[in-house]
Amino acid sequence: MFNIFQRTEKKYKDINSEDFLNEMTSSNAVVIDVRMPAEVSSGKIPGARNINIMGNFKGQVQNLPKDKKYLIYCRSGNRSASACQIMGDLGFEDVSNLRGGIISWPYDLA
């Protein structure tokens, strides 16, 4: 019947803001903000691309190059964790979630 205890394999890693910032310096890093556009207008991590998870997220990311390093964030880390899992399920192998989201980001915003 229903297997409510079934666990899905986590296909991404959670990293803190310092590690996220360090990973951003990689030449193949892509930073994605999955918040809604209204949230992004209040400030975003410099260089981040907005792909709203509440929109057609799966359709927008499925054709991105899979050989890049993806750094994903939202407000608190919950929506971005879901986005990371979706990307992992699509075959992306190097996906990281900003633990605590942008509210845990101590650095400057754009």
N, C-alpha and C. Protein backbone atom coordinates (compact mmCIF):
# COMPACT_ATOMS: atom_id res chain seq x y z
N MET A 1 0.84 -1.19 0.00
CA MET A 1 0.00 0.00 0.00
C MET A 1 0.89 1.25 0.00
N PHE A 2 0.78 2.09 1.00
CA PHE A 2 1.60 3.30 1.07
C PHE A 2 2.81 3.03 1.93
N ASN A 3 3.95 3.43 1.42
CA ASN A 3 5.16 3.28 2.20
C ASN A 3 5.58 4.67 2.68
N ILE A 4 5.00 5.10 3.81
CA ILE A 4 5.26 6.44 4.31
C ILE A 4 6.67 6.58 4.88
N PHE A 5 7.34 5.45 5.08
CA PHE A 5 8.68 5.50 5.63
C PHE A 5 9.76 5.40 4.55
N GLN A 6 9.35 5.38 3.30
CA GLN A 6 10.29 5.29 2.19
C GLN A 6 11.11 6.57 2.13
N ARG A 7 12.41 6.41 2.04
CA ARG A 7 13.28 7.57 1.95
C ARG A 7 13.85 7.65 0.54
N THR A 8 13.88 8.85 0.02
CA THR A 8 14.51 9.02 -1.28
C THR A 8 15.96 9.45 -1.05
N GLU A 9 16.81 9.03 -1.93
CA GLU A 9 18.22 9.37 -1.82
C GLU A 9 18.42 10.86 -2.05
N LYS A 10 19.12 11.50 -1.14
CA LYS A 10 19.42 12.92 -1.26
C LYS A 10 20.50 13.08 -2.31
N LYS A 11 20.24 13.86 -3.35
CA LYS A 11 21.14 13.97 -4.49
C LYS A 11 21.84 15.33 -4.55
N TYR A 12 22.07 15.92 -3.40
CA TYR A 12 22.75 17.21 -3.32
C TYR A 12 23.39 17.31 -1.95
N LYS A 13 24.18 18.36 -1.77
CA LYS A 13 24.76 18.58 -0.44
C LYS A 13 24.33 19.94 0.09
N ASP A 14 24.19 20.02 1.39
CA ASP A 14 23.90 21.28 2.06
C ASP A 14 25.23 21.89 2.49
N ILE A 15 25.43 23.16 2.17
CA ILE A 15 26.68 23.82 2.54
C ILE A 15 26.37 25.15 3.21
N ASN A 16 27.30 25.61 4.06
CA ASN A 16 27.10 26.88 4.75
C ASN A 16 27.48 28.05 3.84
N SER A 17 27.24 29.25 4.29
CA SER A 17 27.45 30.43 3.46
C SER A 17 28.92 30.62 3.08
N GLU A 18 29.85 30.30 3.97
CA GLU A 18 31.27 30.45 3.65
C GLU A 18 31.67 29.50 2.51
N ASP A 19 31.23 28.24 2.60
CA ASP A 19 31.54 27.27 1.55
C ASP A 19 30.84 27.66 0.24
N PHE A 20 29.61 28.18 0.34
CA PHE A 20 28.87 28.62 -0.84
C PHE A 20 29.64 29.72 -1.55
N LEU A 21 30.12 30.69 -0.79
CA LEU A 21 30.89 31.80 -1.35
C LEU A 21 32.17 31.28 -2.01
N ASN A 22 32.85 30.36 -1.36
CA ASN A 22 34.08 29.78 -1.94
C ASN A 22 33.78 29.02 -3.22
N GLU A 23 32.69 28.27 -3.25
CA GLU A 23 32.30 27.50 -4.44
C GLU A 23 31.95 28.43 -5.60
N MET A 24 31.46 29.63 -5.30
CA MET A 24 31.09 30.58 -6.34
C MET A 24 32.29 31.01 -7.18
N THR A 25 33.50 30.89 -6.65
CA THR A 25 34.69 31.31 -7.38
C THR A 25 35.10 30.30 -8.46
N SER A 26 34.51 29.13 -8.44
CA SER A 26 34.82 28.12 -9.45
C SER A 26 34.39 28.62 -10.83
N SER A 27 35.21 28.36 -11.83
CA SER A 27 34.91 28.84 -13.18
C SER A 27 33.66 28.21 -13.77
N ASN A 28 33.26 27.06 -13.26
CA ASN A 28 32.06 26.41 -13.82
C ASN A 28 30.86 26.48 -12.87
N ALA A 29 30.90 27.41 -11.92
CA ALA A 29 29.79 27.55 -10.97
C ALA A 29 28.65 28.38 -11.55
N VAL A 30 27.43 27.93 -11.28
CA VAL A 30 26.22 28.64 -11.67
C VAL A 30 25.39 28.81 -10.41
N VAL A 31 25.07 30.06 -10.05
CA VAL A 31 24.28 30.35 -8.86
C VAL A 31 22.84 30.58 -9.29
N ILE A 32 21.92 29.85 -8.66
CA ILE A 32 20.50 29.98 -9.01
C ILE A 32 19.70 30.33 -7.76
N ASP A 33 18.94 31.40 -7.87
CA ASP A 33 18.01 31.86 -6.84
C ASP A 33 16.63 31.35 -7.24
N VAL A 34 16.01 30.51 -6.41
CA VAL A 34 14.73 29.92 -6.77
C VAL A 34 13.53 30.64 -6.16
N ARG A 35 13.76 31.83 -5.62
CA ARG A 35 12.67 32.60 -5.03
C ARG A 35 11.80 33.24 -6.11
N MET A 36 10.65 33.75 -5.68
CA MET A 36 9.75 34.45 -6.60
C MET A 36 10.38 35.80 -6.95
N PRO A 37 10.10 36.32 -8.15
CA PRO A 37 10.69 37.59 -8.58
C PRO A 37 10.52 38.74 -7.57
N ALA A 38 9.40 38.81 -6.90
CA ALA A 38 9.19 39.87 -5.92
C ALA A 38 10.20 39.76 -4.77
N GLU A 39 10.54 38.54 -4.40
CA GLU A 39 11.53 38.33 -3.34
C GLU A 39 12.92 38.73 -3.82
N VAL A 40 13.23 38.40 -5.05
CA VAL A 40 14.54 38.69 -5.63
C VAL A 40 14.77 40.19 -5.71
N SER A 41 13.70 40.96 -5.94
CA SER A 41 13.83 42.41 -6.07
C SER A 41 14.33 43.07 -4.78
N SER A 42 14.23 42.36 -3.65
CA SER A 42 14.71 42.92 -2.39
C SER A 42 16.21 42.66 -2.18
N GLY A 43 16.83 41.97 -3.11
CA GLY A 43 18.26 41.70 -3.04
C GLY A 43 18.56 40.24 -3.33
N LYS A 44 19.69 40.02 -4.01
CA LYS A 44 20.08 38.66 -4.35
C LYS A 44 21.59 38.54 -4.23
N ILE A 45 22.05 37.31 -4.22
CA ILE A 45 23.49 37.06 -4.21
C ILE A 45 24.03 37.49 -5.58
N PRO A 46 25.11 38.27 -5.59
CA PRO A 46 25.65 38.77 -6.86
C PRO A 46 25.91 37.63 -7.85
N GLY A 47 25.47 37.85 -9.08
CA GLY A 47 25.68 36.88 -10.15
C GLY A 47 24.63 35.79 -10.23
N ALA A 48 23.68 35.78 -9.31
CA ALA A 48 22.66 34.73 -9.31
C ALA A 48 21.66 34.92 -10.43
N ARG A 49 21.23 33.81 -10.97
CA ARG A 49 20.19 33.76 -11.99
C ARG A 49 18.90 33.34 -11.30
N ASN A 50 17.80 34.01 -11.59
CA ASN A 50 16.52 33.65 -10.96
C ASN A 50 15.75 32.66 -11.82
N ILE A 51 15.47 31.49 -11.23
CA ILE A 51 14.58 30.51 -11.83
C ILE A 51 13.60 30.12 -10.73
N ASN A 52 12.43 30.71 -10.77
CA ASN A 52 11.41 30.54 -9.73
C ASN A 52 10.96 29.09 -9.62
N ILE A 53 11.12 28.52 -8.45
CA ILE A 53 10.69 27.12 -8.26
C ILE A 53 9.17 26.98 -8.34
N MET A 54 8.44 28.06 -8.13
CA MET A 54 6.99 28.00 -8.19
C MET A 54 6.48 28.09 -9.63
N GLY A 55 7.39 28.36 -10.57
CA GLY A 55 7.03 28.39 -11.98
C GLY A 55 7.34 27.04 -12.61
N ASN A 56 7.76 27.07 -13.84
CA ASN A 56 8.10 25.84 -14.56
C ASN A 56 9.57 25.51 -14.33
N PHE A 57 9.94 25.30 -13.09
CA PHE A 57 11.34 25.08 -12.72
C PHE A 57 11.95 23.89 -13.46
N LYS A 58 11.29 22.77 -13.39
CA LYS A 58 11.82 21.55 -14.02
C LYS A 58 12.04 21.77 -15.52
N GLY A 59 11.09 22.39 -16.17
CA GLY A 59 11.21 22.65 -17.60
C GLY A 59 12.36 23.60 -17.92
N GLN A 60 12.62 24.55 -17.02
CA GLN A 60 13.68 25.53 -17.28
C GLN A 60 15.07 24.98 -17.01
N VAL A 61 15.20 24.03 -16.08
CA VAL A 61 16.54 23.54 -15.74
C VAL A 61 16.92 22.26 -16.47
N GLN A 62 15.96 21.53 -17.00
CA GLN A 62 16.28 20.21 -17.55
C GLN A 62 17.28 20.25 -18.70
N ASN A 63 17.37 21.35 -19.41
CA ASN A 63 18.31 21.44 -20.54
C ASN A 63 19.59 22.21 -20.22
N LEU A 64 19.77 22.58 -18.95
CA LEU A 64 21.02 23.23 -18.57
C LEU A 64 22.16 22.21 -18.66
N PRO A 65 23.39 22.67 -18.89
CA PRO A 65 24.53 21.74 -18.96
C PRO A 65 24.71 20.99 -17.63
N LYS A 66 24.86 19.71 -17.72
CA LYS A 66 24.97 18.89 -16.50
C LYS A 66 26.40 18.84 -15.95
N ASP A 67 27.36 19.42 -16.68
CA ASP A 67 28.75 19.38 -16.22
C ASP A 67 29.15 20.62 -15.42
N LYS A 68 28.19 21.43 -15.04
CA LYS A 68 28.45 22.63 -14.24
C LYS A 68 28.24 22.32 -12.75
N LYS A 69 28.71 23.24 -11.92
CA LYS A 69 28.51 23.17 -10.46
C LYS A 69 27.37 24.14 -10.15
N TYR A 70 26.26 23.61 -9.62
CA TYR A 70 25.08 24.44 -9.36
C TYR A 70 24.96 24.74 -7.87
N LEU A 71 24.86 26.03 -7.55
CA LEU A 71 24.72 26.52 -6.19
C LEU A 71 23.33 27.15 -6.10
N ILE A 72 22.48 26.55 -5.29
CA ILE A 72 21.07 26.91 -5.27
C ILE A 72 20.70 27.51 -3.90
N TYR A 73 19.87 28.56 -3.93
CA TYR A 73 19.40 29.14 -2.66
C TYR A 73 18.00 29.71 -2.81
N CYS A 74 17.36 29.88 -1.66
CA CYS A 74 16.06 30.55 -1.57
C CYS A 74 16.10 31.42 -0.32
N ARG A 75 14.98 31.67 0.29
CA ARG A 75 14.95 32.49 1.49
C ARG A 75 15.52 31.76 2.69
N SER A 76 15.02 30.52 2.94
CA SER A 76 15.41 29.81 4.15
C SER A 76 16.10 28.48 3.92
N GLY A 77 16.16 28.02 2.68
CA GLY A 77 16.81 26.75 2.38
C GLY A 77 15.86 25.61 2.09
N ASN A 78 14.56 25.81 2.29
CA ASN A 78 13.60 24.73 2.06
C ASN A 78 13.25 24.56 0.59
N ARG A 79 12.86 25.64 -0.07
CA ARG A 79 12.53 25.54 -1.49
C ARG A 79 13.77 25.17 -2.31
N SER A 80 14.92 25.70 -1.92
CA SER A 80 16.13 25.37 -2.66
C SER A 80 16.52 23.91 -2.47
N ALA A 81 16.24 23.33 -1.31
CA ALA A 81 16.48 21.90 -1.11
C ALA A 81 15.61 21.09 -2.08
N SER A 82 14.37 21.50 -2.24
CA SER A 82 13.48 20.83 -3.19
C SER A 82 14.01 20.99 -4.61
N ALA A 83 14.48 22.19 -4.95
CA ALA A 83 15.03 22.44 -6.27
C ALA A 83 16.26 21.57 -6.52
N CYS A 84 17.11 21.45 -5.51
CA CYS A 84 18.31 20.61 -5.63
C CYS A 84 17.93 19.16 -5.88
N GLN A 85 16.91 18.69 -5.18
CA GLN A 85 16.48 17.30 -5.36
C GLN A 85 15.94 17.08 -6.78
N ILE A 86 15.17 18.04 -7.26
CA ILE A 86 14.65 17.96 -8.63
C ILE A 86 15.81 17.87 -9.62
N MET A 87 16.79 18.73 -9.43
CA MET A 87 17.94 18.73 -10.33
C MET A 87 18.71 17.41 -10.24
N GLY A 88 18.88 16.90 -9.03
CA GLY A 88 19.54 15.61 -8.85
C GLY A 88 18.79 14.50 -9.56
N ASP A 89 17.47 14.53 -9.46
CA ASP A 89 16.64 13.53 -10.14
C ASP A 89 16.76 13.63 -11.66
N LEU A 90 17.08 14.83 -12.15
CA LEU A 90 17.25 15.05 -13.60
C LEU A 90 18.65 14.68 -14.09
N GLY A 91 19.52 14.27 -13.18
CA GLY A 91 20.85 13.83 -13.57
C GLY A 91 21.98 14.81 -13.30
N PHE A 92 21.69 15.93 -12.65
CA PHE A 92 22.75 16.86 -12.28
C PHE A 92 23.52 16.24 -11.11
N GLU A 93 24.84 16.26 -11.20
CA GLU A 93 25.64 15.56 -10.21
C GLU A 93 26.32 16.47 -9.20
N ASP A 94 26.48 17.75 -9.50
CA ASP A 94 27.18 18.67 -8.60
C ASP A 94 26.24 19.81 -8.22
N VAL A 95 25.39 19.54 -7.25
CA VAL A 95 24.36 20.49 -6.83
C VAL A 95 24.48 20.72 -5.32
N SER A 96 24.51 21.99 -4.92
CA SER A 96 24.62 22.33 -3.51
C SER A 96 23.52 23.31 -3.11
N ASN A 97 23.02 23.13 -1.91
CA ASN A 97 21.98 23.97 -1.33
C ASN A 97 22.59 24.86 -0.25
N LEU A 98 22.27 26.16 -0.28
CA LEU A 98 22.72 27.07 0.78
C LEU A 98 21.90 26.80 2.03
N ARG A 99 22.54 26.17 3.01
CA ARG A 99 21.88 25.86 4.27
C ARG A 99 21.45 27.16 4.96
N GLY A 100 20.18 27.28 5.28
CA GLY A 100 19.67 28.48 5.93
C GLY A 100 19.23 29.56 4.95
N GLY A 101 19.48 29.36 3.67
CA GLY A 101 19.02 30.31 2.65
C GLY A 101 19.69 31.66 2.74
N ILE A 102 19.11 32.61 2.01
CA ILE A 102 19.70 33.94 1.94
C ILE A 102 19.64 34.67 3.29
N ILE A 103 18.73 34.24 4.17
CA ILE A 103 18.68 34.89 5.50
C ILE A 103 19.91 34.54 6.33
N SER A 104 20.66 33.51 5.93
CA SER A 104 21.89 33.16 6.62
C SER A 104 23.12 33.73 5.91
N TRP A 105 22.92 34.49 4.84
CA TRP A 105 24.02 35.03 4.01
C TRP A 105 24.56 36.29 4.66
N PRO A 106 25.79 36.27 5.17
CA PRO A 106 26.33 37.45 5.85
C PRO A 106 27.04 38.44 4.93
N TYR A 107 27.08 38.15 3.64
CA TYR A 107 27.84 38.96 2.69
C TYR A 107 26.91 39.93 1.95
N ASP A 108 27.52 40.77 1.13
CA ASP A 108 26.77 41.78 0.39
C ASP A 108 25.81 41.16 -0.62
N LEU A 109 24.72 41.87 -0.87
CA LEU A 109 23.72 41.47 -1.87
C LEU A 109 23.75 42.45 -3.01
N ALA A 110 23.29 42.00 -4.14
CA ALA A 110 23.21 42.87 -5.33
C ALA A 110 21.85 43.52 -5.38
